[in-house]
Amino acid sequence: MARRGPRWYFSFRSPYSWMAYRDLLDRYPDVAGQIEWLPFWEPDQPALDELERSNVRLPYVAMSREKHLYILQDVRRLARARELEMVWPVDTAPRWEVSHLAYLAAERLGAGPEFIAATYRARWELGEDISDPRTMARIGRDIGVDPGALESAHDDPAVREKGLQALNSLHRDGVFGVPFFIVGFDKFWGVDRLPQFAESVRAKVAT
């Protein structure tokens, strides 16, 4: 099997992934255009059942209260350092398939980058509920793609199959959190590792 190119795993759920996204576009736009973008999310039970039938188990661990409180503090620090205005969303009934499978649908329609930008803004700048299919429909209208395709992506068998392939990819790559960056055999985890990842991508391109 041929070795894959540089890539990063992102999640709409994670504030660290949102900040890595902003850093990537603001500081390393050349790198952003040369890498593969792959979604990471916690799957629902039907997807977990399908993965289990393939002997795929994803490394999800419930977050402790102490870690949650630390993240609230840490994210405020990092956002302030970047001069980012953010709103901490309240996830009353999170369904991460809704937004991440909508991304796969938008990517298929040629609007992946536009969808990512709009969804990160909706969640982390406007505090909107991205687990609501109606939010996906509104984003579809905003970026000029079929709103129905994004609203119903989490129930579309073809998109769900593509989602299973994405989850298999993060399993094969040993991804355990986001943001997660890979160049060759080298792996980098966390927003603070983005500079090293970018340097590695640029060095690979230069050779």
N, C-alpha and C. Protein backbone atom coordinates (compact mmCIF):
# COMPACT_ATOMS: atom_id res chain seq x y z
N MET A 1 0.84 -1.19 0.00
CA MET A 1 0.00 0.00 0.00
C MET A 1 0.88 1.25 0.00
N ALA A 2 0.58 2.18 -0.89
CA ALA A 2 1.37 3.41 -0.98
C ALA A 2 1.17 4.25 0.28
N ARG A 3 2.24 4.90 0.71
CA ARG A 3 2.15 5.75 1.88
C ARG A 3 1.33 6.98 1.56
N ARG A 4 0.45 7.36 2.46
CA ARG A 4 -0.39 8.52 2.24
C ARG A 4 0.37 9.80 2.52
N GLY A 5 -0.16 10.89 1.97
CA GLY A 5 0.48 12.18 2.14
C GLY A 5 0.17 12.81 3.49
N PRO A 6 0.68 14.01 3.73
CA PRO A 6 0.43 14.71 4.99
C PRO A 6 -1.07 14.95 5.18
N ARG A 7 -1.51 14.85 6.43
CA ARG A 7 -2.94 15.00 6.70
C ARG A 7 -3.15 15.45 8.14
N TRP A 8 -4.36 15.99 8.36
CA TRP A 8 -4.71 16.32 9.73
C TRP A 8 -6.15 15.96 10.00
N TYR A 9 -6.39 15.54 11.24
CA TYR A 9 -7.72 15.19 11.70
C TYR A 9 -8.27 16.34 12.53
N PHE A 10 -9.46 16.79 12.16
CA PHE A 10 -10.09 17.92 12.85
C PHE A 10 -11.45 17.49 13.38
N SER A 11 -11.98 18.25 14.32
CA SER A 11 -13.31 17.99 14.86
C SER A 11 -14.00 19.32 15.13
N PHE A 12 -15.28 19.39 14.81
CA PHE A 12 -16.04 20.60 15.12
C PHE A 12 -16.33 20.70 16.61
N ARG A 13 -16.25 19.58 17.30
CA ARG A 13 -16.53 19.60 18.74
C ARG A 13 -15.42 20.30 19.53
N SER A 14 -14.18 20.16 19.11
CA SER A 14 -13.03 20.55 19.92
C SER A 14 -12.64 22.01 19.74
N PRO A 15 -12.52 22.77 20.83
CA PRO A 15 -12.02 24.14 20.70
C PRO A 15 -10.56 24.17 20.28
N TYR A 16 -9.79 23.15 20.66
CA TYR A 16 -8.39 23.10 20.24
C TYR A 16 -8.29 22.89 18.73
N SER A 17 -9.18 22.10 18.19
CA SER A 17 -9.21 21.89 16.75
C SER A 17 -9.61 23.18 16.03
N TRP A 18 -10.56 23.91 16.61
CA TRP A 18 -10.96 25.20 16.03
C TRP A 18 -9.78 26.16 15.99
N MET A 19 -9.02 26.23 17.08
CA MET A 19 -7.87 27.13 17.11
C MET A 19 -6.77 26.66 16.15
N ALA A 20 -6.58 25.35 16.04
CA ALA A 20 -5.60 24.84 15.08
C ALA A 20 -6.03 25.19 13.66
N TYR A 21 -7.32 25.12 13.39
CA TYR A 21 -7.84 25.51 12.08
C TYR A 21 -7.52 26.98 11.79
N ARG A 22 -7.78 27.84 12.76
CA ARG A 22 -7.49 29.27 12.57
C ARG A 22 -6.00 29.50 12.37
N ASP A 23 -5.17 28.84 13.18
CA ASP A 23 -3.72 28.98 13.03
C ASP A 23 -3.25 28.48 11.67
N LEU A 24 -3.80 27.36 11.24
CA LEU A 24 -3.39 26.76 9.98
C LEU A 24 -3.66 27.71 8.82
N LEU A 25 -4.85 28.30 8.79
CA LEU A 25 -5.18 29.21 7.69
C LEU A 25 -4.46 30.55 7.81
N ASP A 26 -4.32 31.05 9.04
CA ASP A 26 -3.72 32.37 9.23
C ASP A 26 -2.20 32.36 9.09
N ARG A 27 -1.55 31.28 9.57
CA ARG A 27 -0.09 31.27 9.64
C ARG A 27 0.57 30.35 8.61
N TYR A 28 -0.16 29.33 8.18
CA TYR A 28 0.43 28.35 7.27
C TYR A 28 -0.52 28.03 6.11
N PRO A 29 -0.97 29.06 5.37
CA PRO A 29 -1.93 28.80 4.29
C PRO A 29 -1.37 27.90 3.20
N ASP A 30 -0.07 27.93 2.98
CA ASP A 30 0.53 27.06 1.97
C ASP A 30 0.42 25.60 2.39
N VAL A 31 0.58 25.34 3.68
CA VAL A 31 0.46 23.98 4.20
C VAL A 31 -0.99 23.52 4.13
N ALA A 32 -1.92 24.41 4.47
CA ALA A 32 -3.34 24.06 4.46
C ALA A 32 -3.78 23.54 3.10
N GLY A 33 -3.19 24.09 2.04
CA GLY A 33 -3.57 23.68 0.69
C GLY A 33 -2.90 22.42 0.20
N GLN A 34 -1.98 21.87 0.98
CA GLN A 34 -1.20 20.71 0.53
C GLN A 34 -1.52 19.43 1.29
N ILE A 35 -2.43 19.52 2.26
CA ILE A 35 -2.67 18.36 3.13
C ILE A 35 -4.10 17.86 2.97
N GLU A 36 -4.30 16.63 3.43
CA GLU A 36 -5.63 16.02 3.43
C GLU A 36 -6.34 16.38 4.73
N TRP A 37 -7.61 16.74 4.61
CA TRP A 37 -8.41 17.14 5.77
C TRP A 37 -9.38 16.00 6.09
N LEU A 38 -9.34 15.49 7.33
CA LEU A 38 -10.14 14.32 7.70
C LEU A 38 -10.90 14.58 9.00
N PRO A 39 -12.19 14.27 9.03
CA PRO A 39 -12.98 14.54 10.24
C PRO A 39 -12.82 13.46 11.30
N PHE A 40 -12.95 13.88 12.53
CA PHE A 40 -12.87 13.01 13.72
C PHE A 40 -14.09 13.31 14.58
N TRP A 41 -14.84 12.28 14.95
CA TRP A 41 -15.98 12.50 15.84
C TRP A 41 -16.30 11.22 16.60
N GLU A 42 -17.09 11.37 17.64
CA GLU A 42 -17.55 10.24 18.42
C GLU A 42 -18.80 9.68 17.75
N PRO A 43 -18.75 8.47 17.24
CA PRO A 43 -19.88 7.94 16.46
C PRO A 43 -21.07 7.54 17.32
N ASP A 44 -22.23 7.49 16.67
CA ASP A 44 -23.43 7.03 17.36
C ASP A 44 -23.43 5.51 17.44
N GLN A 45 -24.44 4.94 18.11
CA GLN A 45 -24.44 3.51 18.35
C GLN A 45 -24.50 2.67 17.07
N PRO A 46 -25.33 3.04 16.07
CA PRO A 46 -25.31 2.24 14.84
C PRO A 46 -23.94 2.18 14.18
N ALA A 47 -23.22 3.30 14.18
CA ALA A 47 -21.88 3.32 13.60
C ALA A 47 -20.93 2.47 14.44
N LEU A 48 -21.05 2.57 15.77
CA LEU A 48 -20.20 1.74 16.64
C LEU A 48 -20.44 0.26 16.39
N ASP A 49 -21.70 -0.10 16.19
CA ASP A 49 -22.02 -1.51 15.91
C ASP A 49 -21.38 -1.97 14.62
N GLU A 50 -21.43 -1.12 13.59
CA GLU A 50 -20.81 -1.46 12.31
C GLU A 50 -19.30 -1.61 12.45
N LEU A 51 -18.69 -0.71 13.20
CA LEU A 51 -17.25 -0.78 13.41
C LEU A 51 -16.86 -2.03 14.18
N GLU A 52 -17.66 -2.37 15.18
CA GLU A 52 -17.35 -3.56 15.97
C GLU A 52 -17.39 -4.83 15.12
N ARG A 53 -18.30 -4.86 14.14
CA ARG A 53 -18.36 -6.02 13.25
C ARG A 53 -17.10 -6.15 12.43
N SER A 54 -16.38 -5.03 12.27
CA SER A 54 -15.10 -5.05 11.55
C SER A 54 -13.91 -5.09 12.51
N ASN A 55 -14.18 -5.34 13.78
CA ASN A 55 -13.13 -5.40 14.82
C ASN A 55 -12.39 -4.08 14.96
N VAL A 56 -13.12 -2.99 14.77
CA VAL A 56 -12.54 -1.65 14.95
C VAL A 56 -13.07 -1.07 16.25
N ARG A 57 -12.16 -0.72 17.14
CA ARG A 57 -12.54 -0.08 18.39
C ARG A 57 -11.79 1.24 18.51
N LEU A 58 -12.54 2.31 18.69
CA LEU A 58 -11.95 3.63 18.72
C LEU A 58 -11.60 4.01 20.17
N PRO A 59 -10.49 4.75 20.35
CA PRO A 59 -9.99 5.01 21.71
C PRO A 59 -10.65 6.20 22.39
N TYR A 60 -11.96 6.13 22.60
CA TYR A 60 -12.63 7.22 23.29
C TYR A 60 -12.66 6.97 24.79
N VAL A 61 -12.37 8.03 25.55
CA VAL A 61 -12.36 7.94 27.00
C VAL A 61 -13.21 9.09 27.55
N ALA A 62 -14.12 8.79 28.47
CA ALA A 62 -14.95 9.84 29.05
C ALA A 62 -14.08 10.86 29.78
N MET A 63 -14.45 12.14 29.64
CA MET A 63 -13.66 13.21 30.25
C MET A 63 -14.04 13.38 31.72
N SER A 64 -13.05 13.51 32.56
CA SER A 64 -13.30 13.74 33.98
C SER A 64 -13.73 15.19 34.20
N ARG A 65 -14.36 15.44 35.33
CA ARG A 65 -14.75 16.81 35.69
C ARG A 65 -13.53 17.70 35.80
N GLU A 66 -12.45 17.17 36.38
CA GLU A 66 -11.23 17.96 36.55
C GLU A 66 -10.65 18.38 35.20
N LYS A 67 -10.64 17.46 34.24
CA LYS A 67 -10.12 17.80 32.92
C LYS A 67 -11.01 18.81 32.23
N HIS A 68 -12.32 18.66 32.39
CA HIS A 68 -13.24 19.62 31.78
C HIS A 68 -13.01 21.03 32.31
N LEU A 69 -12.84 21.16 33.62
CA LEU A 69 -12.60 22.48 34.21
C LEU A 69 -11.27 23.06 33.74
N TYR A 70 -10.26 22.19 33.60
CA TYR A 70 -8.97 22.66 33.10
C TYR A 70 -9.11 23.18 31.67
N ILE A 71 -9.83 22.45 30.84
CA ILE A 71 -9.99 22.84 29.44
C ILE A 71 -10.69 24.20 29.34
N LEU A 72 -11.70 24.43 30.16
CA LEU A 72 -12.38 25.73 30.15
C LEU A 72 -11.38 26.86 30.39
N GLN A 73 -10.49 26.65 31.35
CA GLN A 73 -9.48 27.67 31.68
C GLN A 73 -8.45 27.80 30.58
N ASP A 74 -7.97 26.66 30.09
CA ASP A 74 -6.91 26.65 29.09
C ASP A 74 -7.36 27.28 27.78
N VAL A 75 -8.57 26.95 27.36
CA VAL A 75 -9.08 27.47 26.10
C VAL A 75 -9.24 28.99 26.18
N ARG A 76 -9.69 29.50 27.31
CA ARG A 76 -9.79 30.96 27.45
C ARG A 76 -8.42 31.61 27.28
N ARG A 77 -7.39 31.00 27.87
CA ARG A 77 -6.03 31.55 27.73
C ARG A 77 -5.59 31.57 26.28
N LEU A 78 -5.77 30.43 25.60
CA LEU A 78 -5.30 30.31 24.22
C LEU A 78 -6.07 31.23 23.28
N ALA A 79 -7.37 31.36 23.49
CA ALA A 79 -8.17 32.24 22.65
C ALA A 79 -7.75 33.70 22.86
N ARG A 80 -7.49 34.06 24.11
CA ARG A 80 -7.07 35.43 24.41
C ARG A 80 -5.72 35.72 23.75
N ALA A 81 -4.81 34.76 23.79
CA ALA A 81 -3.49 34.96 23.17
C ALA A 81 -3.61 35.16 21.67
N ARG A 82 -4.63 34.56 21.04
CA ARG A 82 -4.83 34.69 19.59
C ARG A 82 -5.77 35.84 19.23
N GLU A 83 -6.26 36.53 20.26
CA GLU A 83 -7.22 37.63 20.08
C GLU A 83 -8.47 37.13 19.34
N LEU A 84 -8.92 35.93 19.73
CA LEU A 84 -10.12 35.35 19.15
C LEU A 84 -11.30 35.58 20.09
N GLU A 85 -12.40 36.03 19.52
CA GLU A 85 -13.64 36.14 20.28
C GLU A 85 -14.38 34.82 20.15
N MET A 86 -14.67 34.17 21.27
CA MET A 86 -15.34 32.89 21.20
C MET A 86 -16.50 32.83 22.18
N VAL A 87 -17.43 31.96 21.85
CA VAL A 87 -18.57 31.67 22.73
C VAL A 87 -18.51 30.19 23.05
N TRP A 88 -18.63 29.84 24.34
CA TRP A 88 -18.60 28.43 24.70
C TRP A 88 -20.01 27.86 24.51
N PRO A 89 -20.18 26.94 23.55
CA PRO A 89 -21.53 26.42 23.28
C PRO A 89 -21.99 25.46 24.36
N VAL A 90 -23.30 25.35 24.51
CA VAL A 90 -23.89 24.40 25.44
C VAL A 90 -24.49 23.25 24.62
N ASP A 91 -23.95 22.06 24.80
CA ASP A 91 -24.41 20.89 24.03
C ASP A 91 -25.43 20.12 24.86
N THR A 92 -26.70 20.41 24.63
CA THR A 92 -27.74 19.75 25.42
C THR A 92 -28.01 18.33 24.94
N ALA A 93 -27.90 18.10 23.64
CA ALA A 93 -28.14 16.75 23.09
C ALA A 93 -27.22 16.55 21.89
N PRO A 94 -25.90 16.41 22.15
CA PRO A 94 -24.94 16.36 21.04
C PRO A 94 -25.11 15.11 20.17
N ARG A 95 -25.13 15.33 18.87
CA ARG A 95 -25.14 14.26 17.87
C ARG A 95 -24.09 14.65 16.83
N TRP A 96 -22.89 14.15 17.01
CA TRP A 96 -21.77 14.64 16.21
C TRP A 96 -21.83 14.15 14.76
N GLU A 97 -22.62 13.12 14.48
CA GLU A 97 -22.84 12.72 13.08
C GLU A 97 -23.44 13.85 12.27
N VAL A 98 -24.32 14.63 12.89
CA VAL A 98 -25.06 15.65 12.15
C VAL A 98 -24.11 16.60 11.43
N SER A 99 -23.11 17.13 12.13
CA SER A 99 -22.20 18.09 11.51
C SER A 99 -21.09 17.42 10.71
N HIS A 100 -20.54 16.33 11.23
CA HIS A 100 -19.38 15.73 10.55
C HIS A 100 -19.79 14.98 9.28
N LEU A 101 -20.96 14.35 9.28
CA LEU A 101 -21.42 13.74 8.04
C LEU A 101 -21.92 14.81 7.07
N ALA A 102 -22.43 15.91 7.58
CA ALA A 102 -22.78 17.02 6.69
C ALA A 102 -21.52 17.57 6.01
N TYR A 103 -20.39 17.56 6.74
CA TYR A 103 -19.14 17.97 6.09
C TYR A 103 -18.81 17.05 4.93
N LEU A 104 -18.95 15.75 5.11
CA LEU A 104 -18.66 14.82 4.03
C LEU A 104 -19.58 15.05 2.84
N ALA A 105 -20.84 15.39 3.12
CA ALA A 105 -21.78 15.70 2.04
C ALA A 105 -21.37 16.99 1.34
N ALA A 106 -20.96 18.00 2.11
CA ALA A 106 -20.53 19.26 1.51
C ALA A 106 -19.26 19.08 0.69
N GLU A 107 -18.35 18.25 1.19
CA GLU A 107 -17.12 17.97 0.45
C GLU A 107 -17.44 17.33 -0.90
N ARG A 108 -18.40 16.40 -0.90
CA ARG A 108 -18.81 15.75 -2.14
C ARG A 108 -19.40 16.75 -3.12
N LEU A 109 -20.01 17.80 -2.59
CA LEU A 109 -20.62 18.84 -3.43
C LEU A 109 -19.62 19.95 -3.78
N GLY A 110 -18.36 19.76 -3.40
CA GLY A 110 -17.33 20.73 -3.75
C GLY A 110 -17.24 21.94 -2.84
N ALA A 111 -17.82 21.85 -1.64
CA ALA A 111 -17.83 22.99 -0.73
C ALA A 111 -17.30 22.63 0.66
N GLY A 112 -16.33 21.70 0.70
CA GLY A 112 -15.79 21.29 1.99
C GLY A 112 -15.17 22.42 2.79
N PRO A 113 -14.24 23.20 2.21
CA PRO A 113 -13.62 24.30 2.98
C PRO A 113 -14.63 25.33 3.44
N GLU A 114 -15.59 25.65 2.58
CA GLU A 114 -16.61 26.64 2.96
C GLU A 114 -17.46 26.12 4.12
N PHE A 115 -17.76 24.84 4.09
CA PHE A 115 -18.56 24.26 5.17
C PHE A 115 -17.79 24.29 6.48
N ILE A 116 -16.53 23.93 6.44
CA ILE A 116 -15.71 23.94 7.67
C ILE A 116 -15.69 25.33 8.28
N ALA A 117 -15.44 26.34 7.45
CA ALA A 117 -15.38 27.72 7.94
C ALA A 117 -16.70 28.12 8.59
N ALA A 118 -17.80 27.82 7.91
CA ALA A 118 -19.12 28.23 8.41
C ALA A 118 -19.50 27.47 9.69
N THR A 119 -19.13 26.20 9.77
CA THR A 119 -19.52 25.40 10.93
C THR A 119 -18.68 25.76 12.15
N TYR A 120 -17.39 25.98 11.96
CA TYR A 120 -16.57 26.44 13.09
C TYR A 120 -17.08 27.79 13.60
N ARG A 121 -17.43 28.67 12.67
CA ARG A 121 -17.95 29.98 13.09
C ARG A 121 -19.27 29.82 13.84
N ALA A 122 -20.15 28.96 13.33
CA ALA A 122 -21.44 28.75 13.98
C ALA A 122 -21.26 28.27 15.42
N ARG A 123 -20.35 27.33 15.61
CA ARG A 123 -20.20 26.73 16.94
C ARG A 123 -19.40 27.60 17.89
N TRP A 124 -18.23 28.06 17.45
CA TRP A 124 -17.29 28.67 18.39
C TRP A 124 -17.34 30.20 18.42
N GLU A 125 -18.01 30.81 17.45
CA GLU A 125 -18.13 32.27 17.47
C GLU A 125 -19.56 32.72 17.73
N LEU A 126 -20.53 31.91 17.31
CA LEU A 126 -21.93 32.27 17.48
C LEU A 126 -22.64 31.43 18.53
N GLY A 127 -22.01 30.31 18.95
CA GLY A 127 -22.61 29.47 19.98
C GLY A 127 -23.83 28.70 19.51
N GLU A 128 -23.93 28.43 18.23
CA GLU A 128 -25.09 27.73 17.68
C GLU A 128 -24.98 26.22 17.91
N ASP A 129 -26.12 25.55 17.81
CA ASP A 129 -26.19 24.11 18.02
C ASP A 129 -25.94 23.39 16.70
N ILE A 130 -24.74 22.85 16.52
CA ILE A 130 -24.43 22.18 15.25
C ILE A 130 -24.89 20.73 15.25
N SER A 131 -25.55 20.31 16.34
CA SER A 131 -26.20 19.00 16.35
C SER A 131 -27.64 19.08 15.82
N ASP A 132 -28.08 20.27 15.51
CA ASP A 132 -29.42 20.49 14.98
C ASP A 132 -29.35 20.45 13.45
N PRO A 133 -30.03 19.52 12.81
CA PRO A 133 -29.99 19.46 11.34
C PRO A 133 -30.41 20.77 10.67
N ARG A 134 -31.24 21.55 11.35
CA ARG A 134 -31.66 22.83 10.76
C ARG A 134 -30.49 23.80 10.66
N THR A 135 -29.53 23.69 11.58
CA THR A 135 -28.33 24.52 11.47
C THR A 135 -27.53 24.12 10.24
N MET A 136 -27.48 22.83 9.94
CA MET A 136 -26.79 22.37 8.74
C MET A 136 -27.47 22.89 7.48
N ALA A 137 -28.80 22.90 7.48
CA ALA A 137 -29.54 23.42 6.33
C ALA A 137 -29.24 24.90 6.13
N ARG A 138 -29.22 25.65 7.22
CA ARG A 138 -28.92 27.09 7.12
C ARG A 138 -27.52 27.32 6.59
N ILE A 139 -26.55 26.51 7.06
CA ILE A 139 -25.19 26.64 6.55
C ILE A 139 -25.15 26.30 5.07
N GLY A 140 -25.89 25.29 4.66
CA GLY A 140 -25.97 24.95 3.24
C GLY A 140 -26.44 26.13 2.40
N ARG A 141 -27.49 26.81 2.87
CA ARG A 141 -27.98 27.99 2.14
C ARG A 141 -26.91 29.09 2.10
N ASP A 142 -26.21 29.27 3.23
CA ASP A 142 -25.21 30.33 3.31
C ASP A 142 -24.04 30.09 2.34
N ILE A 143 -23.66 28.83 2.16
CA ILE A 143 -22.49 28.54 1.31
C ILE A 143 -22.88 28.13 -0.10
N GLY A 144 -24.18 28.13 -0.39
CA GLY A 144 -24.63 27.91 -1.76
C GLY A 144 -24.69 26.46 -2.20
N VAL A 145 -24.96 25.53 -1.28
CA VAL A 145 -25.15 24.13 -1.67
C VAL A 145 -26.52 23.68 -1.18
N ASP A 146 -26.96 22.54 -1.67
CA ASP A 146 -28.28 22.02 -1.36
C ASP A 146 -28.47 21.88 0.15
N PRO A 147 -29.32 22.70 0.77
CA PRO A 147 -29.49 22.61 2.22
C PRO A 147 -30.07 21.27 2.67
N GLY A 148 -30.92 20.67 1.84
CA GLY A 148 -31.49 19.39 2.20
C GLY A 148 -30.45 18.30 2.30
N ALA A 149 -29.43 18.35 1.42
CA ALA A 149 -28.37 17.34 1.44
C ALA A 149 -27.57 17.41 2.73
N LEU A 150 -27.36 18.60 3.26
CA LEU A 150 -26.61 18.74 4.51
C LEU A 150 -27.49 18.43 5.71
N GLU A 151 -28.74 18.83 5.64
CA GLU A 151 -29.66 18.60 6.75
C GLU A 151 -29.89 17.11 6.99
N SER A 152 -29.92 16.33 5.92
CA SER A 152 -30.24 14.91 6.04
C SER A 152 -29.02 14.00 5.92
N ALA A 153 -27.82 14.57 5.88
CA ALA A 153 -26.61 13.76 5.65
C ALA A 153 -26.44 12.64 6.67
N HIS A 154 -26.81 12.90 7.93
CA HIS A 154 -26.61 11.89 8.98
C HIS A 154 -27.54 10.69 8.82
N ASP A 155 -28.56 10.82 7.97
CA ASP A 155 -29.47 9.71 7.71
C ASP A 155 -29.29 9.12 6.32
N ASP A 156 -28.35 9.65 5.54
CA ASP A 156 -28.13 9.20 4.17
C ASP A 156 -27.20 7.98 4.19
N PRO A 157 -27.68 6.81 3.72
CA PRO A 157 -26.84 5.60 3.79
C PRO A 157 -25.50 5.76 3.08
N ALA A 158 -25.47 6.46 1.95
CA ALA A 158 -24.21 6.62 1.21
C ALA A 158 -23.23 7.48 2.01
N VAL A 159 -23.74 8.52 2.64
CA VAL A 159 -22.86 9.39 3.44
C VAL A 159 -22.41 8.65 4.70
N ARG A 160 -23.31 7.89 5.30
CA ARG A 160 -22.92 7.13 6.49
C ARG A 160 -21.84 6.10 6.16
N GLU A 161 -21.91 5.52 4.97
CA GLU A 161 -20.87 4.58 4.56
C GLU A 161 -19.53 5.30 4.42
N LYS A 162 -19.57 6.49 3.85
CA LYS A 162 -18.34 7.28 3.74
C LYS A 162 -17.83 7.67 5.13
N GLY A 163 -18.76 7.90 6.06
CA GLY A 163 -18.36 8.19 7.43
C GLY A 163 -17.67 7.02 8.09
N LEU A 164 -18.14 5.80 7.82
CA LEU A 164 -17.47 4.62 8.36
C LEU A 164 -16.05 4.49 7.81
N GLN A 165 -15.87 4.83 6.54
CA GLN A 165 -14.53 4.81 5.96
C GLN A 165 -13.63 5.83 6.66
N ALA A 166 -14.19 7.00 6.99
CA ALA A 166 -13.40 8.02 7.70
C ALA A 166 -13.02 7.54 9.09
N LEU A 167 -13.94 6.89 9.79
CA LEU A 167 -13.65 6.36 11.12
C LEU A 167 -12.62 5.24 11.05
N ASN A 168 -12.69 4.43 10.02
CA ASN A 168 -11.66 3.39 9.82
C ASN A 168 -10.30 4.02 9.59
N SER A 169 -10.28 5.16 8.89
CA SER A 169 -9.01 5.84 8.62
C SER A 169 -8.36 6.31 9.91
N LEU A 170 -9.15 6.91 10.80
CA LEU A 170 -8.53 7.38 12.04
C LEU A 170 -8.12 6.20 12.93
N HIS A 171 -8.82 5.08 12.80
CA HIS A 171 -8.41 3.87 13.52
C HIS A 171 -7.06 3.38 13.00
N ARG A 172 -6.92 3.32 11.68
CA ARG A 172 -5.65 2.85 11.10
C ARG A 172 -4.50 3.78 11.44
N ASP A 173 -4.79 5.07 11.53
CA ASP A 173 -3.74 6.04 11.83
C ASP A 173 -3.44 6.15 13.32
N GLY A 174 -4.21 5.46 14.16
CA GLY A 174 -3.97 5.53 15.60
C GLY A 174 -4.30 6.87 16.20
N VAL A 175 -5.32 7.53 15.67
CA VAL A 175 -5.70 8.86 16.16
C VAL A 175 -6.49 8.72 17.45
N PHE A 176 -6.08 9.45 18.49
CA PHE A 176 -6.76 9.36 19.78
C PHE A 176 -7.28 10.70 20.26
N GLY A 177 -7.08 11.74 19.48
CA GLY A 177 -7.56 13.06 19.86
C GLY A 177 -7.31 14.04 18.74
N VAL A 178 -7.81 15.26 18.92
CA VAL A 178 -7.64 16.29 17.89
C VAL A 178 -7.16 17.58 18.55
N PRO A 179 -6.49 18.41 17.75
CA PRO A 179 -6.04 18.18 16.36
C PRO A 179 -4.89 17.18 16.31
N PHE A 180 -4.88 16.39 15.25
CA PHE A 180 -3.88 15.34 15.08
C PHE A 180 -3.30 15.46 13.68
N PHE A 181 -1.97 15.56 13.59
CA PHE A 181 -1.29 15.79 12.32
C PHE A 181 -0.34 14.64 12.01
N ILE A 182 -0.24 14.28 10.74
CA ILE A 182 0.62 13.16 10.35
C ILE A 182 1.41 13.53 9.10
N VAL A 183 2.71 13.29 9.15
CA VAL A 183 3.59 13.40 7.98
C VAL A 183 4.44 12.14 7.95
N GLY A 184 4.24 11.31 6.93
CA GLY A 184 4.98 10.05 6.87
C GLY A 184 4.69 9.22 8.10
N PHE A 185 5.77 8.86 8.84
CA PHE A 185 5.60 8.09 10.07
C PHE A 185 5.52 8.99 11.30
N ASP A 186 5.66 10.29 11.13
CA ASP A 186 5.67 11.21 12.26
C ASP A 186 4.27 11.69 12.58
N LYS A 187 3.93 11.68 13.86
CA LYS A 187 2.62 12.11 14.31
C LYS A 187 2.77 13.26 15.31
N PHE A 188 1.84 14.19 15.25
CA PHE A 188 1.86 15.36 16.11
C PHE A 188 0.45 15.56 16.67
N TRP A 189 0.33 15.67 17.98
CA TRP A 189 -0.98 15.83 18.61
C TRP A 189 -1.02 17.14 19.38
N GLY A 190 -2.05 17.93 19.11
CA GLY A 190 -2.26 19.16 19.86
C GLY A 190 -1.98 20.40 19.04
N VAL A 191 -2.68 21.47 19.37
CA VAL A 191 -2.54 22.72 18.63
C VAL A 191 -1.11 23.26 18.72
N ASP A 192 -0.43 22.99 19.81
CA ASP A 192 0.94 23.49 19.97
C ASP A 192 1.95 22.74 19.11
N ARG A 193 1.53 21.63 18.50
CA ARG A 193 2.43 20.88 17.61
C ARG A 193 2.27 21.28 16.15
N LEU A 194 1.35 22.19 15.87
CA LEU A 194 1.14 22.61 14.48
C LEU A 194 2.40 23.20 13.84
N PRO A 195 3.19 24.04 14.52
CA PRO A 195 4.40 24.56 13.88
C PRO A 195 5.36 23.47 13.41
N GLN A 196 5.55 22.44 14.23
CA GLN A 196 6.44 21.35 13.84
C GLN A 196 5.88 20.58 12.64
N PHE A 197 4.56 20.38 12.65
CA PHE A 197 3.91 19.72 11.53
C PHE A 197 4.10 20.53 10.25
N ALA A 198 3.86 21.83 10.33
CA ALA A 198 4.00 22.69 9.16
C ALA A 198 5.44 22.67 8.64
N GLU A 199 6.39 22.71 9.55
CA GLU A 199 7.80 22.65 9.15
C GLU A 199 8.10 21.34 8.44
N SER A 200 7.55 20.23 8.93
CA SER A 200 7.78 18.93 8.32
C SER A 200 7.16 18.87 6.93
N VAL A 201 5.96 19.42 6.77
CA VAL A 201 5.30 19.42 5.46
C VAL A 201 6.11 20.24 4.47
N ARG A 202 6.55 21.41 4.89
CA ARG A 202 7.34 22.26 4.00
C ARG A 202 8.65 21.61 3.60
N ALA A 203 9.29 20.93 4.57
CA ALA A 203 10.55 20.24 4.26
C ALA A 203 10.31 19.12 3.28
N LYS A 204 9.19 18.43 3.40
CA LYS A 204 8.89 17.31 2.51
C LYS A 204 8.64 17.85 1.09
N VAL A 205 7.94 18.96 0.99
CA VAL A 205 7.67 19.56 -0.31
C VAL A 205 8.95 20.04 -0.98
N ALA A 206 9.89 20.54 -0.16
CA ALA A 206 11.14 21.09 -0.72
C ALA A 206 12.08 20.04 -1.23
N THR A 207 11.94 18.79 -0.80
CA THR A 207 12.87 17.73 -1.21
C THR A 207 12.47 17.14 -2.56
